[in-house]
């Protein structure tokens, strides 16, 4: 049994190491030319439409989240019940005072 496992391990190792590897084209020089080009665009937008969408989504979240948080705080604070004032031995609301 152990001999079979060792043989299987050796076959698997040989198969993986001799398999043809997919060759990738080196795109670094093209990207370097794109980002070093002086065309007046900020570097964070030179990547194309994906970078522009990511930038806009980030700005919307950066501005929108604090605004929503402030609105939620304001609504939570303004919807609280009227405070009661204890006078003598009975309770009086602000409407009665």
PDB file of N, CA and C in Angstrom:
ATOM      1  N   UNK A   1       0.828  -1.200   0.000  1.00  0.00           N
ATOM      2  CA  UNK A   1       0.000   0.000   0.000  1.00  0.00           C
ATOM      3  C   UNK A   1       0.868   1.257   0.000  1.00  0.00           C
ATOM      4  N   UNK A   2       1.884   1.258   0.860  1.00  0.00           N
ATOM      5  CA  UNK A   2       2.772   2.419   0.938  1.00  0.00           C
ATOM      6  C   UNK A   2       3.533   2.594  -0.380  1.00  0.00           C
ATOM      7  N   UNK A   3       3.922   1.481  -0.974  1.00  0.00           N
ATOM      8  CA  UNK A   3       4.641   1.544  -2.246  1.00  0.00           C
ATOM      9  C   UNK A   3       3.766   2.179  -3.330  1.00  0.00           C
ATOM     10  N   UNK A   4       2.466   1.863  -3.319  1.00  0.00           N
ATOM     11  CA  UNK A   4       1.536   2.447  -4.302  1.00  0.00           C
ATOM     12  C   UNK A   4       1.396   3.951  -4.108  1.00  0.00           C
ATOM     13  N   UNK A   5       1.335   4.364  -2.839  1.00  0.00           N
ATOM     14  CA  UNK A   5       1.217   5.799  -2.566  1.00  0.00           C
ATOM     15  C   UNK A   5       2.474   6.551  -2.997  1.00  0.00           C
ATOM     16  N   UNK A   6       3.643   5.966  -2.753  1.00  0.00           N
ATOM     17  CA  UNK A   6       4.891   6.614  -3.175  1.00  0.00           C
ATOM     18  C   UNK A   6       4.981   6.697  -4.697  1.00  0.00           C
ATOM     19  N   UNK A   7       4.547   5.636  -5.379  1.00  0.00           N
ATOM     20  CA  UNK A   7       4.561   5.653  -6.839  1.00  0.00           C
ATOM     21  C   UNK A   7       3.600   6.707  -7.386  1.00  0.00           C
ATOM     22  N   UNK A   8       2.427   6.801  -6.779  1.00  0.00           N
ATOM     23  CA  UNK A   8       1.448   7.799  -7.203  1.00  0.00           C
ATOM     24  C   UNK A   8       1.981   9.212  -6.978  1.00  0.00           C
ATOM     25  N   UNK A   9       2.665   9.408  -5.860  1.00  0.00           N
ATOM     26  CA  UNK A   9       3.233  10.722  -5.553  1.00  0.00           C
ATOM     27  C   UNK A   9       4.285  11.099  -6.593  1.00  0.00           C
ATOM     28  N   UNK A  10       5.127  10.142  -6.964  1.00  0.00           N
ATOM     29  CA  UNK A  10       6.172  10.398  -7.943  1.00  0.00           C
ATOM     30  C   UNK A  10       5.582  10.699  -9.322  1.00  0.00           C
ATOM     31  N   UNK A  11       4.540   9.992  -9.695  1.00  0.00           N
ATOM     32  CA  UNK A  11       3.894  10.237 -10.991  1.00  0.00           C
ATOM     33  C   UNK A  11       3.238  11.615 -11.008  1.00  0.00           C
ATOM     34  N   UNK A  12       2.580  11.961  -9.907  1.00  0.00           N
ATOM     35  CA  UNK A  12       1.927  13.271  -9.836  1.00  0.00           C
ATOM     36  C   UNK A  12       2.949  14.387  -9.898  1.00  0.00           C
ATOM     37  N   UNK A  13       4.067  14.233  -9.213  1.00  0.00           N
ATOM     38  CA  UNK A  13       5.105  15.262  -9.227  1.00  0.00           C
ATOM     39  C   UNK A  13       5.672  15.421 -10.635  1.00  0.00           C
ATOM     40  N   UNK A  14       5.927  14.320 -11.318  1.00  0.00           N
ATOM     41  CA  UNK A  14       6.487  14.361 -12.666  1.00  0.00           C
ATOM     42  C   UNK A  14       5.491  15.011 -13.633  1.00  0.00           C
ATOM     43  N   UNK A  15       4.202  14.704 -13.480  1.00  0.00           N
ATOM     44  CA  UNK A  15       3.181  15.260 -14.368  1.00  0.00           C
ATOM     45  C   UNK A  15       3.069  16.770 -14.189  1.00  0.00           C
ATOM     46  N   UNK A  16       3.110  17.211 -12.940  1.00  0.00           N
ATOM     47  CA  UNK A  16       2.967  18.649 -12.679  1.00  0.00           C
ATOM     48  C   UNK A  16       4.191  19.404 -13.178  1.00  0.00           C
ATOM     49  N   UNK A  17       5.374  18.873 -12.950  1.00  0.00           N
ATOM     50  CA  UNK A  17       6.585  19.603 -13.321  1.00  0.00           C
ATOM     51  C   UNK A  17       6.817  19.637 -14.826  1.00  0.00           C
ATOM     52  N   UNK A  18       6.311  18.649 -15.557  1.00  0.00           N
ATOM     53  CA  UNK A  18       6.545  18.627 -17.009  1.00  0.00           C
ATOM     54  C   UNK A  18       5.381  19.198 -17.799  1.00  0.00           C
ATOM     55  N   UNK A  19       4.325  19.637 -17.121  1.00  0.00           N
ATOM     56  CA  UNK A  19       3.182  20.195 -17.835  1.00  0.00           C
ATOM     57  C   UNK A  19       3.587  21.520 -18.480  1.00  0.00           C
ATOM     58  N   UNK A  20       3.041  21.779 -19.646  1.00  0.00           N
ATOM     59  CA  UNK A  20       3.378  23.024 -20.324  1.00  0.00           C
ATOM     60  C   UNK A  20       2.740  24.186 -19.588  1.00  0.00           C
ATOM     61  N   UNK A  21       3.517  25.194 -19.399  1.00  0.00           N
ATOM     62  CA  UNK A  21       3.030  26.375 -18.689  1.00  0.00           C
ATOM     63  C   UNK A  21       2.565  27.414 -19.692  1.00  0.00           C
ATOM     64  N   UNK A  22       1.526  28.102 -19.308  1.00  0.00           N
ATOM     65  CA  UNK A  22       0.978  29.131 -20.179  1.00  0.00           C
ATOM     66  C   UNK A  22       1.872  30.371 -20.088  1.00  0.00           C
ATOM     67  N   UNK A  23       2.265  30.863 -21.206  1.00  0.00           N
ATOM     68  CA  UNK A  23       3.139  32.032 -21.238  1.00  0.00           C
ATOM     69  C   UNK A  23       2.293  33.303 -21.284  1.00  0.00           C
ATOM     70  N   UNK A  24       2.637  34.258 -20.421  1.00  0.00           N
ATOM     71  CA  UNK A  24       1.933  35.530 -20.379  1.00  0.00           C
ATOM     72  C   UNK A  24       2.782  36.605 -21.037  1.00  0.00           C
ATOM     73  N   UNK A  25       2.107  37.500 -21.715  1.00  0.00           N
ATOM     74  CA  UNK A  25       2.803  38.602 -22.354  1.00  0.00           C
ATOM     75  C   UNK A  25       3.126  39.656 -21.299  1.00  0.00           C
ATOM     76  N   UNK A  26       4.310  40.191 -21.351  1.00  0.00           N
ATOM     77  CA  UNK A  26       4.724  41.222 -20.402  1.00  0.00           C
ATOM     78  C   UNK A  26       4.128  42.556 -20.840  1.00  0.00           C
ATOM     79  N   UNK A  27       3.199  43.083 -20.049  1.00  0.00           N
ATOM     80  CA  UNK A  27       2.514  44.333 -20.394  1.00  0.00           C
ATOM     81  C   UNK A  27       3.039  45.516 -19.593  1.00  0.00           C
ATOM     82  N   UNK A  28       4.081  45.312 -18.810  1.00  0.00           N
ATOM     83  CA  UNK A  28       4.602  46.379 -17.953  1.00  0.00           C
ATOM     84  C   UNK A  28       5.098  47.570 -18.766  1.00  0.00           C
ATOM     85  N   UNK A  29       5.875  47.370 -19.822  1.00  0.00           N
ATOM     86  CA  UNK A  29       6.328  48.558 -20.572  1.00  0.00           C
ATOM     87  C   UNK A  29       5.175  49.388 -21.143  1.00  0.00           C
ATOM     88  N   UNK A  30       4.126  48.723 -21.600  1.00  0.00           N
ATOM     89  CA  UNK A  30       2.965  49.461 -22.121  1.00  0.00           C
ATOM     90  C   UNK A  30       2.299  50.284 -21.027  1.00  0.00           C
ATOM     91  N   UNK A  31       2.139  49.670 -19.848  1.00  0.00           N
ATOM     92  CA  UNK A  31       1.513  50.381 -18.730  1.00  0.00           C
ATOM     93  C   UNK A  31       2.391  51.540 -18.263  1.00  0.00           C
ATOM     94  N   UNK A  32       3.714  51.364 -18.277  1.00  0.00           N
ATOM     95  CA  UNK A  32       4.610  52.438 -17.884  1.00  0.00           C
ATOM     96  C   UNK A  32       4.463  53.633 -18.819  1.00  0.00           C
ATOM     97  N   UNK A  33       4.388  53.365 -20.116  1.00  0.00           N
ATOM     98  CA  UNK A  33       4.205  54.455 -21.076  1.00  0.00           C
ATOM     99  C   UNK A  33       2.887  55.177 -20.830  1.00  0.00           C
ATOM    100  N   UNK A  34       1.841  54.418 -20.553  1.00  0.00           N
ATOM    101  CA  UNK A  34       0.519  55.004 -20.322  1.00  0.00           C
ATOM    102  C   UNK A  34       0.532  55.918 -19.103  1.00  0.00           C
ATOM    103  N   UNK A  35       1.127  55.454 -18.010  1.00  0.00           N
ATOM    104  CA  UNK A  35       1.071  56.233 -16.776  1.00  0.00           C
ATOM    105  C   UNK A  35       2.092  57.363 -16.739  1.00  0.00           C
ATOM    106  N   UNK A  36       3.165  57.292 -17.529  1.00  0.00           N
ATOM    107  CA  UNK A  36       4.164  58.352 -17.545  1.00  0.00           C
ATOM    108  C   UNK A  36       3.865  59.423 -18.589  1.00  0.00           C
ATOM    109  N   UNK A  37       2.880  59.182 -19.422  1.00  0.00           N
ATOM    110  CA  UNK A  37       2.507  60.140 -20.457  1.00  0.00           C
ATOM    111  C   UNK A  37       1.966  61.416 -19.805  1.00  0.00           C
ATOM    112  N   UNK A  38       2.411  62.556 -20.290  1.00  0.00           N
ATOM    113  CA  UNK A  38       1.961  63.836 -19.722  1.00  0.00           C
ATOM    114  C   UNK A  38       0.777  64.343 -20.547  1.00  0.00           C
ATOM    115  N   UNK A  39      -0.447  63.987 -20.112  1.00  0.00           N
ATOM    116  CA  UNK A  39      -1.636  64.422 -20.829  1.00  0.00           C
ATOM    117  C   UNK A  39      -2.584  65.227 -19.941  1.00  0.00           C
ATOM    118  N   UNK A  40      -2.112  65.671 -18.796  1.00  0.00           N
ATOM    119  CA  UNK A  40      -2.915  66.516 -17.926  1.00  0.00           C
ATOM    120  C   UNK A  40      -3.889  65.771 -17.029  1.00  0.00           C
ATOM    121  N   UNK A  41      -3.974  64.461 -17.176  1.00  0.00           N
ATOM    122  CA  UNK A  41      -4.880  63.673 -16.326  1.00  0.00           C
ATOM    123  C   UNK A  41      -4.169  63.279 -15.031  1.00  0.00           C
ATOM    124  N   UNK A  42      -4.913  63.246 -13.919  1.00  0.00           N
ATOM    125  CA  UNK A  42      -4.302  62.740 -12.691  1.00  0.00           C
ATOM    126  C   UNK A  42      -3.975  61.259 -12.832  1.00  0.00           C
ATOM    127  N   UNK A  43      -2.961  60.820 -12.129  1.00  0.00           N
ATOM    128  CA  UNK A  43      -2.479  59.449 -12.290  1.00  0.00           C
ATOM    129  C   UNK A  43      -3.528  58.420 -11.864  1.00  0.00           C
ATOM    130  N   UNK A  44      -4.395  58.774 -10.922  1.00  0.00           N
ATOM    131  CA  UNK A  44      -5.396  57.807 -10.459  1.00  0.00           C
ATOM    132  C   UNK A  44      -6.543  57.635 -11.453  1.00  0.00           C
ATOM    133  N   UNK A  45      -6.579  58.424 -12.521  1.00  0.00           N
ATOM    134  CA  UNK A  45      -7.613  58.265 -13.543  1.00  0.00           C
ATOM    135  C   UNK A  45      -7.059  57.786 -14.885  1.00  0.00           C
ATOM    136  N   UNK A  46      -5.751  57.568 -14.981  1.00  0.00           N
ATOM    137  CA  UNK A  46      -5.148  57.161 -16.245  1.00  0.00           C
ATOM    138  C   UNK A  46      -5.420  55.704 -16.594  1.00  0.00           C
ATOM    139  N   UNK A  47      -5.945  54.926 -15.678  1.00  0.00           N
ATOM    140  CA  UNK A  47      -6.182  53.509 -15.930  1.00  0.00           C
ATOM    141  C   UNK A  47      -7.408  53.229 -16.768  1.00  0.00           C
ATOM    142  N   UNK A  48      -8.222  54.227 -17.040  1.00  0.00           N
ATOM    143  CA  UNK A  48      -9.385  54.020 -17.885  1.00  0.00           C
ATOM    144  C   UNK A  48     -10.699  54.146 -17.128  1.00  0.00           C
ATOM    145  N   UNK A  49     -11.743  53.569 -17.714  1.00  0.00           N
ATOM    146  CA  UNK A  49     -13.101  53.697 -17.175  1.00  0.00           C
ATOM    147  C   UNK A  49     -13.237  53.028 -15.813  1.00  0.00           C
ATOM    148  N   UNK A  50     -12.544  51.929 -15.605  1.00  0.00           N
ATOM    149  CA  UNK A  50     -12.630  51.229 -14.318  1.00  0.00           C
ATOM    150  C   UNK A  50     -12.093  52.111 -13.194  1.00  0.00           C
ATOM    151  N   UNK A  51     -10.976  52.789 -13.443  1.00  0.00           N
ATOM    152  CA  UNK A  51     -10.413  53.680 -12.429  1.00  0.00           C
ATOM    153  C   UNK A  51     -11.337  54.872 -12.167  1.00  0.00           C
ATOM    154  N   UNK A  52     -11.947  55.396 -13.220  1.00  0.00           N
ATOM    155  CA  UNK A  52     -12.855  56.526 -13.052  1.00  0.00           C
ATOM    156  C   UNK A  52     -14.078  56.128 -12.221  1.00  0.00           C
ATOM    157  N   UNK A  53     -14.630  54.939 -12.501  1.00  0.00           N
ATOM    158  CA  UNK A  53     -15.790  54.474 -11.731  1.00  0.00           C
ATOM    159  C   UNK A  53     -15.418  54.208 -10.274  1.00  0.00           C
ATOM    160  N   UNK A  54     -14.272  53.615 -10.063  1.00  0.00           N
ATOM    161  CA  UNK A  54     -13.815  53.354  -8.699  1.00  0.00           C
ATOM    162  C   UNK A  54     -13.588  54.653  -7.939  1.00  0.00           C
ATOM    163  N   UNK A  55     -13.009  55.654  -8.604  1.00  0.00           N
ATOM    164  CA  UNK A  55     -12.773  56.954  -7.979  1.00  0.00           C
ATOM    165  C   UNK A  55     -14.101  57.627  -7.608  1.00  0.00           C
ATOM    166  N   UNK A  56     -15.057  57.600  -8.527  1.00  0.00           N
ATOM    167  CA  UNK A  56     -16.352  58.239  -8.246  1.00  0.00           C
ATOM    168  C   UNK A  56     -17.112  57.530  -7.134  1.00  0.00           C
ATOM    169  N   UNK A  57     -17.068  56.206  -7.134  1.00  0.00           N
ATOM    170  CA  UNK A  57     -17.733  55.452  -6.067  1.00  0.00           C
ATOM    171  C   UNK A  57     -17.102  55.762  -4.713  1.00  0.00           C
ATOM    172  N   UNK A  58     -15.788  55.882  -4.688  1.00  0.00           N
ATOM    173  CA  UNK A  58     -15.093  56.216  -3.444  1.00  0.00           C
ATOM    174  C   UNK A  58     -15.482  57.607  -2.963  1.00  0.00           C
ATOM    175  N   UNK A  59     -15.562  58.561  -3.874  1.00  0.00           N
ATOM    176  CA  UNK A  59     -15.926  59.922  -3.476  1.00  0.00           C
ATOM    177  C   UNK A  59     -17.370  59.991  -2.990  1.00  0.00           C
ATOM    178  N   UNK A  60     -18.270  59.263  -3.636  1.00  0.00           N
ATOM    179  CA  UNK A  60     -19.670  59.248  -3.204  1.00  0.00           C
ATOM    180  C   UNK A  60     -19.779  58.666  -1.804  1.00  0.00           C
ATOM    181  N   UNK A  61     -19.081  57.573  -1.550  1.00  0.00           N
ATOM    182  CA  UNK A  61     -19.118  56.969  -0.217  1.00  0.00           C
ATOM    183  C   UNK A  61     -18.449  57.863   0.824  1.00  0.00           C
ATOM    184  N   UNK A  62     -17.375  58.535   0.436  1.00  0.00           N
ATOM    185  CA  UNK A  62     -16.664  59.405   1.371  1.00  0.00           C
ATOM    186  C   UNK A  62     -17.522  60.588   1.797  1.00  0.00           C
ATOM    187  N   UNK A  63     -18.272  61.144   0.879  1.00  0.00           N
ATOM    188  CA  UNK A  63     -19.128  62.291   1.203  1.00  0.00           C
ATOM    189  C   UNK A  63     -20.493  61.826   1.715  1.00  0.00           C
ATOM    190  N   UNK A  64     -21.027  60.782   1.128  1.00  0.00           N
ATOM    191  CA  UNK A  64     -22.382  60.336   1.471  1.00  0.00           C
ATOM    192  C   UNK A  64     -22.505  59.705   2.840  1.00  0.00           C
ATOM    193  N   UNK A  65     -21.535  58.916   3.243  1.00  0.00           N
ATOM    194  CA  UNK A  65     -21.635  58.216   4.531  1.00  0.00           C
ATOM    195  C   UNK A  65     -21.694  59.183   5.716  1.00  0.00           C
ATOM    196  N   UNK A  66     -20.825  60.199   5.783  1.00  0.00           N
ATOM    197  CA  UNK A  66     -20.961  61.145   6.899  1.00  0.00           C
ATOM    198  C   UNK A  66     -22.277  61.925   6.865  1.00  0.00           C
ATOM    199  N   UNK A  67     -22.749  62.270   5.660  1.00  0.00           N
ATOM    200  CA  UNK A  67     -24.027  62.979   5.582  1.00  0.00           C
ATOM    201  C   UNK A  67     -25.174  62.111   6.091  1.00  0.00           C
ATOM    202  N   UNK A  68     -25.191  60.858   5.683  1.00  0.00           N
ATOM    203  CA  UNK A  68     -26.224  59.944   6.179  1.00  0.00           C
ATOM    204  C   UNK A  68     -26.117  59.757   7.692  1.00  0.00           C
ATOM    205  N   UNK A  69     -24.902  59.703   8.188  1.00  0.00           N
ATOM    206  CA  UNK A  69     -24.691  59.551   9.626  1.00  0.00           C
ATOM    207  C   UNK A  69     -25.219  60.771  10.380  1.00  0.00           C
ATOM    208  N   UNK A  70     -24.938  61.958   9.868  1.00  0.00           N
ATOM    209  CA  UNK A  70     -25.437  63.179  10.512  1.00  0.00           C
ATOM    210  C   UNK A  70     -26.958  63.251  10.463  1.00  0.00           C
ATOM    211  N   UNK A  71     -27.540  62.882   9.337  1.00  0.00           N
ATOM    212  CA  UNK A  71     -29.000  62.873   9.225  1.00  0.00           C
ATOM    213  C   UNK A  71     -29.612  61.894  10.221  1.00  0.00           C
ATOM    214  N   UNK A  72     -28.998  60.725  10.355  1.00  0.00           N
ATOM    215  CA  UNK A  72     -29.508  59.736  11.294  1.00  0.00           C
ATOM    216  C   UNK A  72     -29.403  60.247  12.729  1.00  0.00           C
ATOM    217  N   UNK A  73     -28.290  60.885  13.060  1.00  0.00           N
ATOM    218  CA  UNK A  73     -28.136  61.445  14.406  1.00  0.00           C
ATOM    219  C   UNK A  73     -29.169  62.541  14.660  1.00  0.00           C
ATOM    220  N   UNK A  74     -29.385  63.400  13.669  1.00  0.00           N
ATOM    221  CA  UNK A  74     -30.359  64.470  13.825  1.00  0.00           C
ATOM    222  C   UNK A  74     -31.769  63.908  14.004  1.00  0.00           C
ATOM    223  N   UNK A  75     -32.133  62.932  13.160  1.00  0.00           N
ATOM    224  CA  UNK A  75     -33.472  62.345  13.262  1.00  0.00           C
ATOM    225  C   UNK A  75     -33.664  61.613  14.581  1.00  0.00           C
ATOM    226  N   UNK A  76     -32.660  60.945  15.035  1.00  0.00           N
ATOM    227  CA  UNK A  76     -32.764  60.227  16.305  1.00  0.00           C
ATOM    228  C   UNK A  76     -32.928  61.207  17.455  1.00  0.00           C
ATOM    229  N   UNK A  77     -32.218  62.303  17.406  1.00  0.00           N
ATOM    230  CA  UNK A  77     -32.300  63.290  18.475  1.00  0.00           C
ATOM    231  C   UNK A  77     -33.580  64.105  18.448  1.00  0.00           C
ATOM    232  N   UNK A  78     -34.111  64.378  17.267  1.00  0.00           N
ATOM    233  CA  UNK A  78     -35.289  65.235  17.180  1.00  0.00           C
ATOM    234  C   UNK A  78     -36.591  64.471  17.395  1.00  0.00           C
ATOM    235  N   UNK A  79     -36.576  63.178  17.353  1.00  0.00           N
ATOM    236  CA  UNK A  79     -37.792  62.392  17.525  1.00  0.00           C
ATOM    237  C   UNK A  79     -37.975  61.902  18.957  1.00  0.00           C
ATOM    238  N   UNK A  80     -37.148  62.375  19.861  1.00  0.00           N
ATOM    239  CA  UNK A  80     -37.274  61.914  21.240  1.00  0.00           C
ATOM    240  C   UNK A  80     -38.544  62.505  21.857  1.00  0.00           C
ATOM    241  N   UNK A  81     -39.152  61.820  22.820  1.00  0.00           N
ATOM    242  CA  UNK A  81     -40.379  62.335  23.443  1.00  0.00           C
ATOM    243  C   UNK A  81     -40.090  63.604  24.240  1.00  0.00           C
ATOM    244  N   UNK A  82     -41.154  64.381  24.481  1.00  0.00           N
ATOM    245  CA  UNK A  82     -40.992  65.628  25.221  1.00  0.00           C
ATOM    246  C   UNK A  82     -40.515  65.315  26.638  1.00  0.00           C
ATOM    247  N   UNK A  83     -39.552  66.073  27.117  1.00  0.00           N
ATOM    248  CA  UNK A  83     -39.072  65.811  28.482  1.00  0.00           C
ATOM    249  C   UNK A  83     -40.139  66.194  29.511  1.00  0.00           C
ATOM    250  N   UNK A  84     -40.174  65.436  30.565  1.00  0.00           N
ATOM    251  CA  UNK A  84     -41.132  65.707  31.636  1.00  0.00           C
ATOM    252  C   UNK A  84     -40.430  66.429  32.767  1.00  0.00           C
ATOM    253  N   UNK A  85     -41.146  67.331  33.397  1.00  0.00           N
ATOM    254  CA  UNK A  85     -40.599  68.087  34.513  1.00  0.00           C
ATOM    255  C   UNK A  85     -41.398  67.729  35.757  1.00  0.00           C
ATOM    256  N   UNK A  86     -40.694  67.355  36.809  1.00  0.00           N
ATOM    257  CA  UNK A  86     -41.365  67.024  38.060  1.00  0.00           C
ATOM    258  C   UNK A  86     -41.506  68.288  38.903  1.00  0.00           C
ATOM    259  N   UNK A  87     -42.744  68.673  39.207  1.00  0.00           N
ATOM    260  CA  UNK A  87     -43.005  69.820  40.064  1.00  0.00           C
ATOM    261  C   UNK A  87     -43.848  69.327  41.220  1.00  0.00           C
ATOM    262  N   UNK A  88     -43.389  69.647  42.376  1.00  0.00           N
ATOM    263  CA  UNK A  88     -44.070  69.220  43.614  1.00  0.00           C
ATOM    264  C   UNK A  88     -44.230  67.702  43.576  1.00  0.00           C
ATOM    265  N   UNK A  89     -45.459  67.204  43.527  1.00  0.00           N
ATOM    266  CA  UNK A  89     -45.640  65.757  43.568  1.00  0.00           C
ATOM    267  C   UNK A  89     -46.335  65.239  42.318  1.00  0.00           C
ATOM    268  N   UNK A  90     -46.529  66.069  41.299  1.00  0.00           N
ATOM    269  CA  UNK A  90     -47.155  65.585  40.083  1.00  0.00           C
ATOM    270  C   UNK A  90     -46.267  65.900  38.871  1.00  0.00           C
ATOM    271  N   UNK A  91     -46.515  65.204  37.781  1.00  0.00           N
ATOM    272  CA  UNK A  91     -45.703  65.339  36.580  1.00  0.00           C
ATOM    273  C   UNK A  91     -46.371  66.334  35.633  1.00  0.00           C
ATOM    274  N   UNK A  92     -45.561  67.251  35.106  1.00  0.00           N
ATOM    275  CA  UNK A  92     -46.066  68.252  34.168  1.00  0.00           C
ATOM    276  C   UNK A  92     -45.212  68.186  32.916  1.00  0.00           C
ATOM    277  N   UNK A  93     -45.849  68.158  31.749  1.00  0.00           N
ATOM    278  CA  UNK A  93     -45.112  68.189  30.500  1.00  0.00           C
ATOM    279  C   UNK A  93     -44.882  69.638  30.109  1.00  0.00           C
ATOM    280  N   UNK A  94     -44.123  69.870  29.086  1.00  0.00           N
ATOM    281  CA  UNK A  94     -43.838  71.221  28.661  1.00  0.00           C
ATOM    282  C   UNK A  94     -45.088  71.917  28.142  1.00  0.00           C
ATOM    283  N   UNK A  95     -46.050  71.173  27.589  1.00  0.00           N
ATOM    284  CA  UNK A  95     -47.272  71.781  27.085  1.00  0.00           C
ATOM    285  C   UNK A  95     -48.099  72.395  28.220  1.00  0.00           C
ATOM    286  N   UNK A  96     -48.069  71.748  29.398  1.00  0.00           N
ATOM    287  CA  UNK A  96     -48.844  72.240  30.536  1.00  0.00           C
ATOM    288  C   UNK A  96     -48.190  73.456  31.185  1.00  0.00           C
ATOM    289  N   UNK A  97     -46.902  73.559  31.093  1.00  0.00           N
ATOM    290  CA  UNK A  97     -46.167  74.624  31.805  1.00  0.00           C
ATOM    291  C   UNK A  97     -46.293  75.938  31.145  1.00  0.00           C
TER     292      UNK A  97
END
